[in-house]
C-alpha atoms as a PDB file:
ATOM      1  CA  MET A   1      47.774-126.863 -39.484  1.00  0.00           C
ATOM      2  CA  ILE A   2      46.133-124.400 -37.874  1.00  0.00           C
ATOM      3  CA  LYS A   3      44.042-121.798 -39.486  1.00  0.00           C
ATOM      4  CA  GLY A   4      45.967-119.189 -40.904  1.00  0.00           C
ATOM      5  CA  SER A   5      48.940-121.853 -41.776  1.00  0.00           C
ATOM      6  CA  ALA A   6      49.051-120.409 -45.759  1.00  0.00           C
ATOM      7  CA  SER A   7      50.468-117.153 -44.875  1.00  0.00           C
ATOM      8  CA  PRO A   8      54.373-116.385 -44.574  1.00  0.00           C
ATOM      9  CA  GLU A   9      53.471-114.473 -41.371  1.00  0.00           C
ATOM     10  CA  GLN A  10      52.031-117.111 -39.413  1.00  0.00           C
ATOM     11  CA  GLN A  11      55.018-118.784 -37.662  1.00  0.00           C
ATOM     12  CA  ASP A  12      52.731-121.597 -35.731  1.00  0.00           C
ATOM     13  CA  ASN A  13      51.930-123.001 -38.938  1.00  0.00           C
ATOM     14  CA  PHE A  14      52.501-126.971 -38.258  1.00  0.00           C
ATOM     15  CA  VAL A  15      51.764-127.694 -34.510  1.00  0.00           C
ATOM     16  CA  PRO A  16      53.966-128.743 -32.724  1.00  0.00           C
ATOM     17  CA  LYS A  17      57.171-127.522 -34.825  1.00  0.00           C
ATOM     18  CA  LEU A  18      59.352-130.367 -33.323  1.00  0.00           C
ATOM     19  CA  VAL A  19      57.714-133.623 -32.387  1.00  0.00           C
ATOM     20  CA  ASN A  20      59.686-136.416 -29.865  1.00  0.00           C
ATOM     21  CA  ILE A  21      58.395-139.718 -30.835  1.00  0.00           C
ATOM     22  CA  GLN A  22      59.250-142.683 -28.614  1.00  0.00           C
ATOM     23  CA  LEU A  23      58.909-145.717 -30.576  1.00  0.00           C
ATOM     24  CA  GLY A  24      56.486-148.431 -29.240  1.00  0.00           C
ATOM     25  CA  ILE A  25      54.618-145.651 -27.282  1.00  0.00           C
ATOM     26  CA  ASP A  26      53.405-142.679 -29.344  1.00  0.00           C
ATOM     27  CA  ASN A  27      54.703-143.846 -32.693  1.00  0.00           C
ATOM     28  CA  ARG A  28      51.555-142.480 -34.801  1.00  0.00           C
ATOM     29  CA  ILE A  29      51.615-139.241 -35.684  1.00  0.00           C
ATOM     30  CA  VAL A  30      48.647-137.630 -36.978  1.00  0.00           C
ATOM     31  CA  TRP A  31      48.391-134.105 -38.714  1.00  0.00           C
ATOM     32  CA  GLU A  32      45.506-132.398 -38.999  1.00  0.00           C
ATOM     33  CA  ASN A  33      44.713-129.644 -41.511  1.00  0.00           C
ATOM     34  CA  ILE A  34      42.066-127.228 -39.728  1.00  0.00           C
ATOM     35  CA  ASP A  35      43.156-124.355 -42.080  1.00  0.00           C
ATOM     36  CA  GLU A  36      40.869-123.335 -44.951  1.00  0.00           C
ATOM     37  CA  THR A  37      43.653-124.333 -47.349  1.00  0.00           C
ATOM     38  CA  PRO A  38      45.292-127.480 -48.452  1.00  0.00           C
ATOM     39  CA  HIS A  39      48.558-128.406 -47.495  1.00  0.00           C
ATOM     40  CA  THR A  40      51.177-131.357 -47.885  1.00  0.00           C
ATOM     41  CA  VAL A  41      53.287-132.980 -45.464  1.00  0.00           C
ATOM     42  CA  THR A  42      56.694-133.627 -47.446  1.00  0.00           C
ATOM     43  CA  PRO A  43      60.177-134.925 -46.005  1.00  0.00           C
ATOM     44  CA  ASP A  44      63.027-132.247 -46.903  1.00  0.00           C
ATOM     45  CA  THR A  45      64.925-135.707 -47.903  1.00  0.00           C
ATOM     46  CA  PRO A  46      63.103-138.713 -48.986  1.00  0.00           C
ATOM     47  CA  PHE A  47      62.257-141.308 -46.088  1.00  0.00           C
ATOM     48  CA  GLU A  48      60.968-144.915 -46.275  1.00  0.00           C
ATOM     49  CA  ASP A  49      59.830-146.636 -42.938  1.00  0.00           C
ATOM     50  CA  LYS A  50      60.712-150.705 -43.382  1.00  0.00           C
ATOM     51  CA  TYR A  51      57.056-151.598 -42.603  1.00  0.00           C
ATOM     52  CA  SER A  52      54.940-148.342 -43.077  1.00  0.00           C
ATOM     53  CA  GLY A  53      56.258-147.585 -46.552  1.00  0.00           C
ATOM     54  CA  LYS A  54      56.861-143.935 -47.339  1.00  0.00           C
ATOM     55  CA  PHE A  55      56.358-140.938 -45.367  1.00  0.00           C
ATOM     56  CA  GLY A  56      54.584-137.970 -47.037  1.00  0.00           C
ATOM     57  CA  SER A  57      50.991-137.274 -47.999  1.00  0.00           C
ATOM     58  CA  VAL A  58      50.020-138.290 -51.144  1.00  0.00           C
ATOM     59  CA  GLY A  59      49.110-135.506 -52.715  1.00  0.00           C
ATOM     60  CA  VAL A  60      47.259-132.530 -50.496  1.00  0.00           C
ATOM     61  CA  VAL A  61      45.807-132.725 -47.231  1.00  0.00           C
ATOM     62  CA  LYS A  62      42.223-130.854 -47.832  1.00  0.00           C
ATOM     63  CA  PRO A  63      40.818-128.553 -45.201  1.00  0.00           C
ATOM     64  CA  GLY A  64      39.110-130.977 -42.846  1.00  0.00           C
ATOM     65  CA  ASP A  65      41.121-134.029 -43.309  1.00  0.00           C
ATOM     66  CA  LYS A  66      44.053-135.891 -41.697  1.00  0.00           C
ATOM     67  CA  TYR A  67      47.253-137.554 -42.929  1.00  0.00           C
ATOM     68  CA  GLU A  68      48.713-140.000 -40.361  1.00  0.00           C
ATOM     69  CA  PHE A  69      52.052-142.417 -39.910  1.00  0.00           C
ATOM     70  CA  LEU A  70      53.040-145.144 -37.940  1.00  0.00           C
ATOM     71  CA  PHE A  71      57.014-144.711 -37.332  1.00  0.00           C
ATOM     72  CA  THR A  72      59.158-148.038 -36.977  1.00  0.00           C
ATOM     73  CA  GLN A  73      62.531-147.040 -36.719  1.00  0.00           C
ATOM     74  CA  ASP A  74      64.775-144.654 -35.167  1.00  0.00           C
ATOM     75  CA  ALA A  75      65.064-141.408 -37.545  1.00  0.00           C
ATOM     76  CA  GLU A  76      65.110-137.549 -37.714  1.00  0.00           C
ATOM     77  CA  ILE A  77      62.863-135.770 -40.150  1.00  0.00           C
ATOM     78  CA  GLU A  78      62.473-132.344 -41.559  1.00  0.00           C
ATOM     79  CA  TYR A  79      59.597-131.400 -43.741  1.00  0.00           C
ATOM     80  CA  HIS A  80      57.402-128.592 -45.282  1.00  0.00           C
ATOM     81  CA  CYS A  81      54.413-128.225 -46.946  1.00  0.00           C
ATOM     82  CA  GLU A  82      55.206-128.048 -50.604  1.00  0.00           C
ATOM     83  CA  PRO A  83      52.732-125.165 -51.811  1.00  0.00           C
ATOM     84  CA  HIS A  84      53.959-123.020 -48.673  1.00  0.00           C
ATOM     85  CA  PRO A  85      57.809-123.784 -48.076  1.00  0.00           C
ATOM     86  CA  TRP A  86      57.856-121.283 -44.920  1.00  0.00           C
ATOM     87  CA  MET A  87      56.137-124.389 -42.842  1.00  0.00           C
ATOM     88  CA  THR A  88      58.551-126.662 -41.364  1.00  0.00           C
ATOM     89  CA  GLY A  89      58.677-129.406 -38.905  1.00  0.00           C
ATOM     90  CA  LYS A  90      60.794-131.599 -37.579  1.00  0.00           C
ATOM     91  CA  LEU A  91      60.336-135.236 -36.012  1.00  0.00           C
ATOM     92  CA  VAL A  92      62.852-136.864 -33.727  1.00  0.00           C
ATOM     93  CA  ILE A  93      62.153-141.059 -33.530  1.00  0.00           C
ATOM     94  CA  THR A  94      63.860-142.630 -30.911  1.00  0.00           C
ATOM     95  CA  LYS A  95      63.380-145.941 -28.951  1.00  0.00           C
ATOM     96  CA  ALA A  96      61.240-145.890 -26.182  1.00  0.00           C
ATOM     97  CA  ARG A  97      63.671-145.952 -22.934  1.00  0.00           C
ATOM     98  CA  PHE A  98      61.848-148.151 -19.893  1.00  0.00           C
END
């Protein structure tokens, strides 16, 4: 979450907007709030990972704080910031191909 993400004019709020995740290689994702405003990481539709539990920040991610999640199964998840719905992103989680 970059500086100025709370502004609807800021196109690059979640950076990157699309994250491709390969299970077993890079399946722990960290969102860091470097903005001056609290934000959330909220799935558009509920998602629960069988090992890691429910995806989505509990409450807000305050400036300077992080939210991280370990994915263990294939999924496509679109998400947004609850107080700033123009902030959107997408995760595509697939099995690693060696």
